[in-house]
Protein backbone atom coordinates (compact mmCIF):
# COMPACT_ATOMS: atom_id res chain seq x y z
CA MET A 1 13.62 163.64 161.89
CA GLU A 2 15.12 165.17 165.22
CA TYR A 3 13.26 165.18 168.74
CA LYS A 4 14.12 167.05 171.24
CA ILE A 5 12.00 167.59 174.48
CA GLU A 6 12.21 171.46 176.12
CA SER A 7 11.84 171.92 179.61
CA ALA A 8 11.82 174.44 182.52
CA ASP A 9 10.53 175.26 185.83
CA SER A 10 7.60 178.32 184.68
CA VAL A 11 5.17 178.34 182.15
CA HIS A 12 6.94 181.45 180.93
CA GLN A 13 10.11 180.16 180.76
CA LEU A 14 8.39 177.29 179.02
CA GLU A 15 7.02 179.38 176.62
CA GLU A 16 10.22 181.33 175.76
CA ARG A 17 12.48 178.12 175.20
CA VAL A 18 9.54 176.72 173.00
CA ASN A 19 9.29 179.84 170.83
CA ASP A 20 13.22 180.20 170.77
CA ALA A 21 13.16 176.65 168.91
CA ILE A 22 10.54 176.85 167.09
CA ALA A 23 12.40 180.23 165.33
CA VAL A 24 15.54 177.99 164.35
CA GLY A 25 12.93 175.51 162.71
CA TRP A 26 11.41 173.06 165.39
CA ARG A 27 8.01 172.39 165.94
CA PRO A 28 6.39 170.73 168.78
CA LEU A 29 4.58 167.70 169.01
CA GLY A 30 1.60 167.08 171.14
CA GLY A 31 0.65 169.39 174.36
CA VAL A 32 2.53 170.19 176.79
CA SER A 33 3.02 168.19 180.53
CA ALA A 34 3.05 169.20 184.23
CA THR A 35 4.92 167.24 186.59
CA PHE A 36 4.78 167.99 190.37
CA TRP A 37 7.48 166.56 192.02
CA GLN A 38 8.88 166.85 195.74
CA VAL A 39 12.38 165.59 197.55
CA ASN A 40 11.53 164.67 200.99
CA ASP A 41 15.15 163.73 201.77
CA PHE A 42 16.22 167.45 202.51
CA GLU A 43 15.10 169.44 205.61
CA PRO A 44 13.15 171.29 204.71
CA PRO A 45 11.41 169.01 201.91
CA ARG A 46 11.97 170.65 198.60
CA SER A 47 9.05 170.89 195.62
CA GLY A 48 8.48 172.03 192.30
CA THR A 49 6.54 171.87 189.22
CA THR A 50 8.61 171.12 185.71
CA TYR A 51 6.71 171.72 182.50
CA CYS A 52 7.96 170.09 179.42
CA GLN A 53 7.43 169.90 175.65
CA ALA A 54 8.71 167.34 172.93
CA MET A 55 9.99 169.46 169.97
CA THR A 56 10.46 167.64 166.47
CA ARG A 57 12.38 168.74 163.25
């Protein structure tokens, strides 16, 4: 079995990546994980959300 994690900065982008992986034999494992992040070492501080989906085949 192979395992990988698809990640993206938007839900739409993650959907595209997961659908592309499904088309070549990968299957989602579990649900989507979303993480909000913030880096205060910059002026102005930077933040965003990363979406991830585990995949197996």
